[in-house]
Amino acid sequence: MKYFQYRNPSITSRIAYYFVLYVFLLTTHILTYSPSFSQSIKFPDFFVDRTMRVDYFHTGMKGTETLSLDAVYDEGSWPGSKVNLIDTMNYGEFLVRVYDVTTTTLIYSRGYSTIFNEWLTTDEATTMHRTFHESVRLPMPKRKVQLTISHRDKQMVFHEVFSTLIDPNTFREISKEKHTYDFKVTQLLNNGSPEKKVDIVILGDGYTKNEIEKFRNDCKHFTDALFSTHPFKERKKDFNVWTIEVVSEESGIDRPDSNIWRKTPLGTTYDFFQTPRYVLTTENRAMRDIASAAPYDFVHILFNDNRYGGGGIYNLYATCFTKTDKEGMEWQMDYVYVHEFGHSFGGLGDEYYSSQVAYNDFYQKGVEPWEPNITALLDPKNIKWRQYMENDTPLPTPWEKHQFDSLGRERGKLNRLASDYYEKRKPLYDAEMNILKTTKYASKVGAFQGAGYASEGFYRPAADCRMFTLSLIDFDPVCSAAIERMIDFYCH
């Protein structure tokens, strides 16, 4: 089927065009998540070994959004898989699809999430518009393509919100401008060709020239922490790790709640969404330009500051703090680094439900979330992780939630930023950990009530997991399986 070519079309021809295109897109949407269809796309038929980065502006508020094209870049060799080009995970709030215009073939897709979508769940999004800069990356097409972006509604159904035609052979459309920075690039872990491995690039923010040696040590430390955690430790040979020594003018990052502002290349900041420990950046263009110096699939940002904090958004980036003034609490940095990578890499949702967040109804009650480790348990007989469960495990799975929650309420009364916070927190934390370790089904996969920032209505697969408590526990079997599926997707 060819795309209609027309000039000054009549209303009738327009209707016919959009009807045929709608049927085509509906069909390809069904095929999007078929592994066999994914493998039928041959890279040399549609792509050259380059990377296309498409930047756009995402503007709106709750109930409305507009996407507008910013720029398109050629960013060098394609580091991703040349086999698995069509997304088979069905993760993320957004889905980018790329169609070859000549053959109308779906040739690439990826799910991802955004800061914009998280912002929509905050109070601010009900009263004002905001604009966020975002990017999608794909292998460089040989011919003209139609790129579309779809957004899930509250029922988890994708709806197209953006479409544009891009011709890689038109010199005016593709910028080949080099993003030149005097930042050293090092390959910290080398296990083979980027196209057959998961490539992580670690960027630093808030490290001055005199602190670059600390950045190098931090990169090695956190890489060791990641590959000491199941299931990453068993799959270490499937990863490459790159580092870019980003130099900041000032040490540390912004702390708006303390009126502390520092000039850094990546612009990471505490107090994101007015949550003291949540650290993100809206400097997407700068982050992407700097990261392009290395082949990468996933970005992890280490920020040189000592307040507990971090963040992670699926297929965007993860962040982690790298200093602590609390003796004996260094392990918390390792927890955050791995936990946040669980979000950005594995598409895993937060399983905790009692911590401070700025979200309102992040998950819609009565709707099954897309995250592989959270369920609304609408159909217990067909729970999405049934294959990891024993037949005699009850659903919902009982645990001492009332007692756990009472400890959590006491802990919630403490000031997290106070100097004696951890001292006062310790007996409550120890009691919580004891409940999770000794509950009857502690070693079983089930459906434990409390997940996704909600005390009721959503369930997690295990009593405890790296996505639930602040501890160095490994990922549970369901989260581990999701991580391994993602590794397999990028390495084949």
Foldseek 3Di string as FASTA:
>chain_A
DAQDDDDPDDPVVVVVRVVVVVVLVVVVVVVLQPLVLQQVQQLVVWFDFWKKKWKWKWKAFQPDIAIGTDAIETLGGALFARGRFRDNQLFAQKKKWKADNGVRDTRHMDHWYDPVLQRNQFPVRVPDMDMFMDMDMDGHTPAKMKMWMWGADQQRDTDTRDIDIDGPPPVVRYDHDALDDPWDKDWPFDLDGSHQAAEEEEEEKQAAPVRLVVVVVLVVVLVVLQLVFPPNVVVVSRYIYMYIRFHFPHHFAAQVVVPDHGGIQQRWYACVLHHRAEIDGRSQVSVVSRVSVDNHQAYEYEYADAQFHKAATASRYIYFYDHHPDPPCNVLRSLRSNLRCLCHQLVAFQFAALDDDRGDCSHDFPHAHSHQFKGLPPDVVPPPVVVQFDPPQDPVHDFPLVVLVVLSVVLVVADSPDPCSCVVNVVSVVVNVVRLVPTPQQQGFHWHAGGRNDNHRMTGGHSDASSYDSDSHHGHPRSSVSNVVSSVSRND
